[in-house]
Amino acid sequence: MTDLTLAMEKMNLAEYIHLLNRPGRLLYINFIAGVARGFGIAVGFALLGAVLVYLLQKLMVLNLPLVGDFIADIVEMVQAQIQNRRI
């Protein structure tokens, strides 16, 4: 019996049941967790994009033919998108 009691204490079963009895609190906690997760994804993606742009700029300075052509294609695509939005 004591093993079962210890296992339930380790699982925080009482707190979990208390949380299930308060659905508003459960929704609030899940909402905050979702917002934090979304914010983390946005910040991570922004940092990853910034590092990628930084590395592409450094590669462009080296003026490698293959990389230079790739970057030129990207610039052309971006400029075409900008022109399409102005119309």
N, C-alpha and C. Protein backbone atom coordinates (compact mmCIF):
# COMPACT_ATOMS: atom_id res chain seq x y z
N MET A 1 0.82 -1.19 0.00
CA MET A 1 0.00 0.00 0.00
C MET A 1 0.86 1.26 0.00
N THR A 2 1.97 1.21 0.73
CA THR A 2 2.82 2.39 0.77
C THR A 2 3.47 2.65 -0.58
N ASP A 3 3.75 1.58 -1.33
CA ASP A 3 4.33 1.77 -2.66
C ASP A 3 3.36 2.51 -3.58
N LEU A 4 2.08 2.15 -3.48
CA LEU A 4 1.06 2.82 -4.28
C LEU A 4 0.94 4.28 -3.88
N THR A 5 0.99 4.55 -2.60
CA THR A 5 0.90 5.93 -2.11
C THR A 5 2.10 6.74 -2.59
N LEU A 6 3.29 6.16 -2.52
CA LEU A 6 4.49 6.86 -2.98
C LEU A 6 4.44 7.12 -4.48
N ALA A 7 3.94 6.14 -5.23
CA ALA A 7 3.84 6.32 -6.69
C ALA A 7 2.87 7.44 -7.03
N MET A 8 1.75 7.51 -6.30
CA MET A 8 0.78 8.57 -6.56
C MET A 8 1.34 9.93 -6.17
N GLU A 9 2.13 9.97 -5.11
CA GLU A 9 2.76 11.23 -4.71
C GLU A 9 3.76 11.69 -5.77
N LYS A 10 4.53 10.77 -6.32
CA LYS A 10 5.51 11.12 -7.35
C LYS A 10 4.84 11.64 -8.61
N MET A 11 3.66 11.12 -8.93
CA MET A 11 2.95 11.54 -10.14
C MET A 11 2.18 12.84 -9.93
N ASN A 12 2.15 13.34 -8.70
CA ASN A 12 1.36 14.53 -8.38
C ASN A 12 -0.09 14.34 -8.79
N LEU A 13 -0.63 13.19 -8.48
CA LEU A 13 -1.98 12.83 -8.89
C LEU A 13 -3.02 13.77 -8.29
N ALA A 14 -2.83 14.17 -7.05
CA ALA A 14 -3.80 15.06 -6.41
C ALA A 14 -3.86 16.41 -7.13
N GLU A 15 -2.69 16.95 -7.50
CA GLU A 15 -2.66 18.23 -8.21
C GLU A 15 -3.29 18.09 -9.59
N TYR A 16 -3.06 16.95 -10.23
CA TYR A 16 -3.63 16.73 -11.56
C TYR A 16 -5.16 16.66 -11.50
N ILE A 17 -5.67 15.94 -10.52
CA ILE A 17 -7.13 15.85 -10.36
C ILE A 17 -7.71 17.22 -10.03
N HIS A 18 -7.02 17.97 -9.18
CA HIS A 18 -7.47 19.32 -8.85
C HIS A 18 -7.51 20.19 -10.11
N LEU A 19 -6.53 20.05 -10.97
CA LEU A 19 -6.49 20.82 -12.22
C LEU A 19 -7.62 20.40 -13.15
N LEU A 20 -7.91 19.11 -13.21
CA LEU A 20 -9.00 18.63 -14.07
C LEU A 20 -10.37 19.12 -13.59
N ASN A 21 -10.49 19.38 -12.31
CA ASN A 21 -11.75 19.89 -11.78
C ASN A 21 -11.93 21.39 -12.04
N ARG A 22 -10.90 22.04 -12.54
CA ARG A 22 -10.97 23.46 -12.86
C ARG A 22 -10.63 23.64 -14.35
N PRO A 23 -11.60 23.44 -15.24
CA PRO A 23 -11.31 23.49 -16.68
C PRO A 23 -10.85 24.87 -17.16
N GLY A 24 -11.31 25.92 -16.51
CA GLY A 24 -10.85 27.26 -16.88
C GLY A 24 -9.36 27.42 -16.67
N ARG A 25 -8.88 26.94 -15.55
CA ARG A 25 -7.44 27.00 -15.25
C ARG A 25 -6.65 26.14 -16.23
N LEU A 26 -7.19 24.97 -16.56
CA LEU A 26 -6.53 24.08 -17.52
C LEU A 26 -6.43 24.75 -18.89
N LEU A 27 -7.51 25.39 -19.33
CA LEU A 27 -7.48 26.10 -20.61
C LEU A 27 -6.47 27.25 -20.58
N TYR A 28 -6.44 27.98 -19.47
CA TYR A 28 -5.50 29.10 -19.34
C TYR A 28 -4.06 28.61 -19.41
N ILE A 29 -3.74 27.56 -18.69
CA ILE A 29 -2.37 27.03 -18.70
C ILE A 29 -1.99 26.55 -20.10
N ASN A 30 -2.90 25.86 -20.77
CA ASN A 30 -2.60 25.38 -22.12
C ASN A 30 -2.48 26.53 -23.11
N PHE A 31 -3.29 27.58 -22.94
CA PHE A 31 -3.19 28.75 -23.81
C PHE A 31 -1.83 29.43 -23.65
N ILE A 32 -1.41 29.65 -22.41
CA ILE A 32 -0.11 30.28 -22.15
C ILE A 32 1.02 29.41 -22.70
N ALA A 33 0.91 28.10 -22.54
CA ALA A 33 1.93 27.20 -23.08
C ALA A 33 1.98 27.29 -24.60
N GLY A 34 0.83 27.38 -25.26
CA GLY A 34 0.79 27.51 -26.71
C GLY A 34 1.38 28.81 -27.19
N VAL A 35 1.08 29.90 -26.48
CA VAL A 35 1.64 31.21 -26.85
C VAL A 35 3.16 31.18 -26.70
N ALA A 36 3.64 30.62 -25.61
CA ALA A 36 5.09 30.53 -25.39
C ALA A 36 5.75 29.67 -26.46
N ARG A 37 5.12 28.57 -26.83
CA ARG A 37 5.66 27.70 -27.86
C ARG A 37 5.71 28.42 -29.21
N GLY A 38 4.64 29.11 -29.55
CA GLY A 38 4.60 29.87 -30.80
C GLY A 38 5.63 30.98 -30.83
N PHE A 39 5.79 31.68 -29.71
CA PHE A 39 6.79 32.74 -29.63
C PHE A 39 8.19 32.16 -29.79
N GLY A 40 8.44 31.02 -29.18
CA GLY A 40 9.75 30.38 -29.30
C GLY A 40 10.04 29.95 -30.73
N ILE A 41 9.04 29.45 -31.41
CA ILE A 41 9.22 29.05 -32.81
C ILE A 41 9.51 30.27 -33.67
N ALA A 42 8.78 31.37 -33.43
CA ALA A 42 8.99 32.58 -34.22
C ALA A 42 10.39 33.15 -34.00
N VAL A 43 10.82 33.21 -32.75
CA VAL A 43 12.15 33.74 -32.45
C VAL A 43 13.22 32.82 -33.03
N GLY A 44 13.05 31.52 -32.89
CA GLY A 44 14.03 30.58 -33.43
C GLY A 44 14.13 30.67 -34.94
N PHE A 45 12.98 30.79 -35.61
CA PHE A 45 12.99 30.90 -37.07
C PHE A 45 13.65 32.21 -37.50
N ALA A 46 13.39 33.29 -36.77
CA ALA A 46 14.00 34.58 -37.10
C ALA A 46 15.52 34.51 -36.93
N LEU A 47 15.98 33.89 -35.86
CA LEU A 47 17.42 33.76 -35.64
C LEU A 47 18.06 32.88 -36.71
N LEU A 48 17.40 31.79 -37.04
CA LEU A 48 17.92 30.90 -38.07
C LEU A 48 17.99 31.62 -39.41
N GLY A 49 16.96 32.38 -39.74
CA GLY A 49 16.96 33.15 -40.99
C GLY A 49 18.05 34.20 -41.00
N ALA A 50 18.27 34.87 -39.86
CA ALA A 50 19.32 35.88 -39.77
C ALA A 50 20.70 35.26 -39.97
N VAL A 51 20.91 34.10 -39.37
CA VAL A 51 22.20 33.41 -39.54
C VAL A 51 22.39 33.00 -41.00
N LEU A 52 21.33 32.52 -41.63
CA LEU A 52 21.41 32.12 -43.03
C LEU A 52 21.74 33.31 -43.92
N VAL A 53 21.08 34.44 -43.70
CA VAL A 53 21.36 35.65 -44.49
C VAL A 53 22.79 36.11 -44.24
N TYR A 54 23.25 36.06 -43.01
CA TYR A 54 24.61 36.46 -42.68
C TYR A 54 25.63 35.57 -43.40
N LEU A 55 25.39 34.26 -43.37
CA LEU A 55 26.31 33.34 -44.05
C LEU A 55 26.29 33.55 -45.57
N LEU A 56 25.12 33.80 -46.13
CA LEU A 56 25.04 34.06 -47.57
C LEU A 56 25.78 35.34 -47.93
N GLN A 57 25.71 36.35 -47.07
CA GLN A 57 26.45 37.59 -47.32
C GLN A 57 27.95 37.33 -47.30
N LYS A 58 28.40 36.53 -46.34
CA LYS A 58 29.83 36.22 -46.26
C LYS A 58 30.28 35.41 -47.48
N LEU A 59 29.44 34.50 -47.95
CA LEU A 59 29.78 33.73 -49.14
C LEU A 59 29.78 34.61 -50.38
N MET A 60 28.91 35.61 -50.40
CA MET A 60 28.85 36.51 -51.55
C MET A 60 30.14 37.33 -51.66
N VAL A 61 30.72 37.68 -50.52
CA VAL A 61 31.97 38.44 -50.53
C VAL A 61 33.09 37.61 -51.16
N LEU A 62 33.05 36.31 -50.96
CA LEU A 62 34.07 35.44 -51.55
C LEU A 62 33.94 35.35 -53.06
N ASN A 63 32.76 35.73 -53.57
CA ASN A 63 32.49 35.77 -55.01
C ASN A 63 32.70 34.41 -55.68
N LEU A 64 32.19 33.38 -55.05
CA LEU A 64 32.24 32.05 -55.65
C LEU A 64 31.19 31.97 -56.75
N PRO A 65 31.54 31.44 -57.92
CA PRO A 65 30.60 31.46 -59.04
C PRO A 65 29.28 30.74 -58.75
N LEU A 66 29.33 29.58 -58.17
CA LEU A 66 28.11 28.81 -57.91
C LEU A 66 27.23 29.52 -56.88
N VAL A 67 27.84 29.97 -55.81
CA VAL A 67 27.10 30.65 -54.76
C VAL A 67 26.60 32.01 -55.26
N GLY A 68 27.43 32.71 -56.03
CA GLY A 68 27.04 34.01 -56.57
C GLY A 68 25.82 33.90 -57.47
N ASP A 69 25.79 32.87 -58.31
CA ASP A 69 24.63 32.66 -59.18
C ASP A 69 23.38 32.34 -58.36
N PHE A 70 23.56 31.53 -57.33
CA PHE A 70 22.43 31.18 -56.46
C PHE A 70 21.85 32.43 -55.79
N ILE A 71 22.73 33.26 -55.26
CA ILE A 71 22.28 34.49 -54.60
C ILE A 71 21.64 35.44 -55.60
N ALA A 72 22.20 35.52 -56.80
CA ALA A 72 21.61 36.38 -57.84
C ALA A 72 20.20 35.91 -58.19
N ASP A 73 20.00 34.60 -58.26
CA ASP A 73 18.66 34.07 -58.53
C ASP A 73 17.68 34.45 -57.41
N ILE A 74 18.15 34.36 -56.18
CA ILE A 74 17.29 34.73 -55.05
C ILE A 74 16.93 36.21 -55.12
N VAL A 75 17.90 37.05 -55.42
CA VAL A 75 17.65 38.49 -55.52
C VAL A 75 16.66 38.78 -56.63
N GLU A 76 16.80 38.10 -57.76
CA GLU A 76 15.86 38.30 -58.87
C GLU A 76 14.44 37.89 -58.48
N MET A 77 14.31 36.77 -57.76
CA MET A 77 12.98 36.33 -57.32
C MET A 77 12.36 37.34 -56.36
N VAL A 78 13.15 37.86 -55.45
CA VAL A 78 12.64 38.84 -54.49
C VAL A 78 12.22 40.11 -55.21
N GLN A 79 13.04 40.58 -56.15
CA GLN A 79 12.69 41.79 -56.89
C GLN A 79 11.44 41.58 -57.74
N ALA A 80 11.27 40.40 -58.30
CA ALA A 80 10.07 40.11 -59.08
C ALA A 80 8.83 40.14 -58.18
N GLN A 81 8.95 39.60 -56.98
CA GLN A 81 7.83 39.63 -56.04
C GLN A 81 7.49 41.06 -55.63
N ILE A 82 8.51 41.87 -55.43
CA ILE A 82 8.28 43.28 -55.06
C ILE A 82 7.58 44.00 -56.20
N GLN A 83 7.99 43.76 -57.43
CA GLN A 83 7.36 44.41 -58.58
C GLN A 83 5.91 43.96 -58.73
N ASN A 84 5.62 42.70 -58.48
CA ASN A 84 4.25 42.19 -58.58
C ASN A 84 3.34 42.81 -57.54
N ARG A 85 3.85 43.12 -56.38
CA ARG A 85 3.03 43.70 -55.32
C ARG A 85 2.73 45.17 -55.59
N ARG A 86 3.59 45.85 -56.30
CA ARG A 86 3.38 47.27 -56.59
C ARG A 86 2.32 47.49 -57.65
N ILE A 87 2.08 46.47 -58.45
CA ILE A 87 1.11 46.61 -59.55
C ILE A 87 -0.30 46.54 -59.03
